């Protein structure tokens, strides 16, 4: 993830660092609204945030 730390992204999205970590680890899925905000910040498609596998998300974040 090039554009910021977990804390920066979590603050931008209005969520906790733990919640973001759970989303990145695919232990939780983001809501539709949160997926839009994450897409805005990271340029990774909201579809990947919601339905992508852990590997797909990791690959997309590395490219972003």
Protein backbone atom coordinates (compact mmCIF):
# COMPACT_ATOMS: atom_id res chain seq x y z
CA UNK A 1 0.00 0.00 0.00
CA UNK A 2 1.78 3.09 -1.21
CA UNK A 3 -0.50 5.95 -0.30
CA UNK A 4 -0.45 5.70 3.46
CA UNK A 5 -0.34 3.78 6.64
CA UNK A 6 -3.19 1.84 8.14
CA UNK A 7 -3.82 4.73 10.52
CA UNK A 8 -4.02 7.29 7.72
CA UNK A 9 -6.37 5.18 5.64
CA UNK A 10 -8.51 4.24 8.63
CA UNK A 11 -8.84 7.91 9.63
CA UNK A 12 -9.78 8.87 6.06
CA UNK A 13 -12.47 6.18 6.03
CA UNK A 14 -13.73 6.89 9.55
CA UNK A 15 -12.99 3.39 10.85
CA UNK A 16 -10.58 1.89 13.34
CA UNK A 17 -7.19 0.51 12.39
CA UNK A 18 -8.34 -2.90 13.65
CA UNK A 19 -11.38 -2.89 11.37
CA UNK A 20 -9.21 -1.98 8.37
CA UNK A 21 -6.75 -4.71 9.33
CA UNK A 22 -9.64 -7.21 9.49
CA UNK A 23 -10.77 -6.12 6.02
CA UNK A 24 -7.26 -6.45 4.60
CA UNK A 25 -6.93 -9.89 6.19
CA UNK A 26 -10.35 -10.81 4.74
CA UNK A 27 -11.71 -11.63 8.20
CA UNK A 28 -14.43 -9.02 7.56
CA UNK A 29 -15.94 -7.51 4.43
CA UNK A 30 -16.47 -3.77 4.07
CA UNK A 31 -19.95 -2.34 3.66
CA UNK A 32 -20.89 -1.01 0.23
CA UNK A 33 -20.42 2.55 1.47
CA UNK A 34 -17.01 1.79 2.98
CA UNK A 35 -15.93 0.00 -0.20
CA UNK A 36 -16.64 3.20 -2.16
CA UNK A 37 -14.52 5.24 0.27
CA UNK A 38 -11.69 2.69 0.12
CA UNK A 39 -11.85 2.78 -3.68
CA UNK A 40 -11.65 6.58 -3.60
CA UNK A 41 -8.55 6.50 -1.42
CA UNK A 42 -6.67 3.55 -2.91
CA UNK A 43 -7.99 3.46 -6.52
CA UNK A 44 -8.65 -0.28 -6.05
CA UNK A 45 -12.08 -1.26 -7.36
CA UNK A 46 -14.86 -1.54 -4.79
CA UNK A 47 -15.66 -4.95 -6.30
CA UNK A 48 -12.23 -6.20 -5.25
CA UNK A 49 -12.70 -4.75 -1.76
CA UNK A 50 -16.01 -6.57 -1.31
CA UNK A 51 -15.72 -9.78 -3.34
CA UNK A 52 -12.05 -10.25 -4.14
CA UNK A 53 -9.88 -12.85 -2.47
CA UNK A 54 -7.06 -11.89 -0.15
CA UNK A 55 -4.57 -12.48 -2.96
CA UNK A 56 -6.56 -10.38 -5.45
CA UNK A 57 -6.77 -7.53 -2.95
CA UNK A 58 -3.06 -7.72 -2.15
CA UNK A 59 -2.13 -7.72 -5.85
CA UNK A 60 -4.44 -4.78 -6.59
CA UNK A 61 -3.00 -2.76 -3.69
CA UNK A 62 0.55 -3.40 -4.86
CA UNK A 63 -0.33 -2.06 -8.32
CA UNK A 64 -2.18 1.00 -6.98
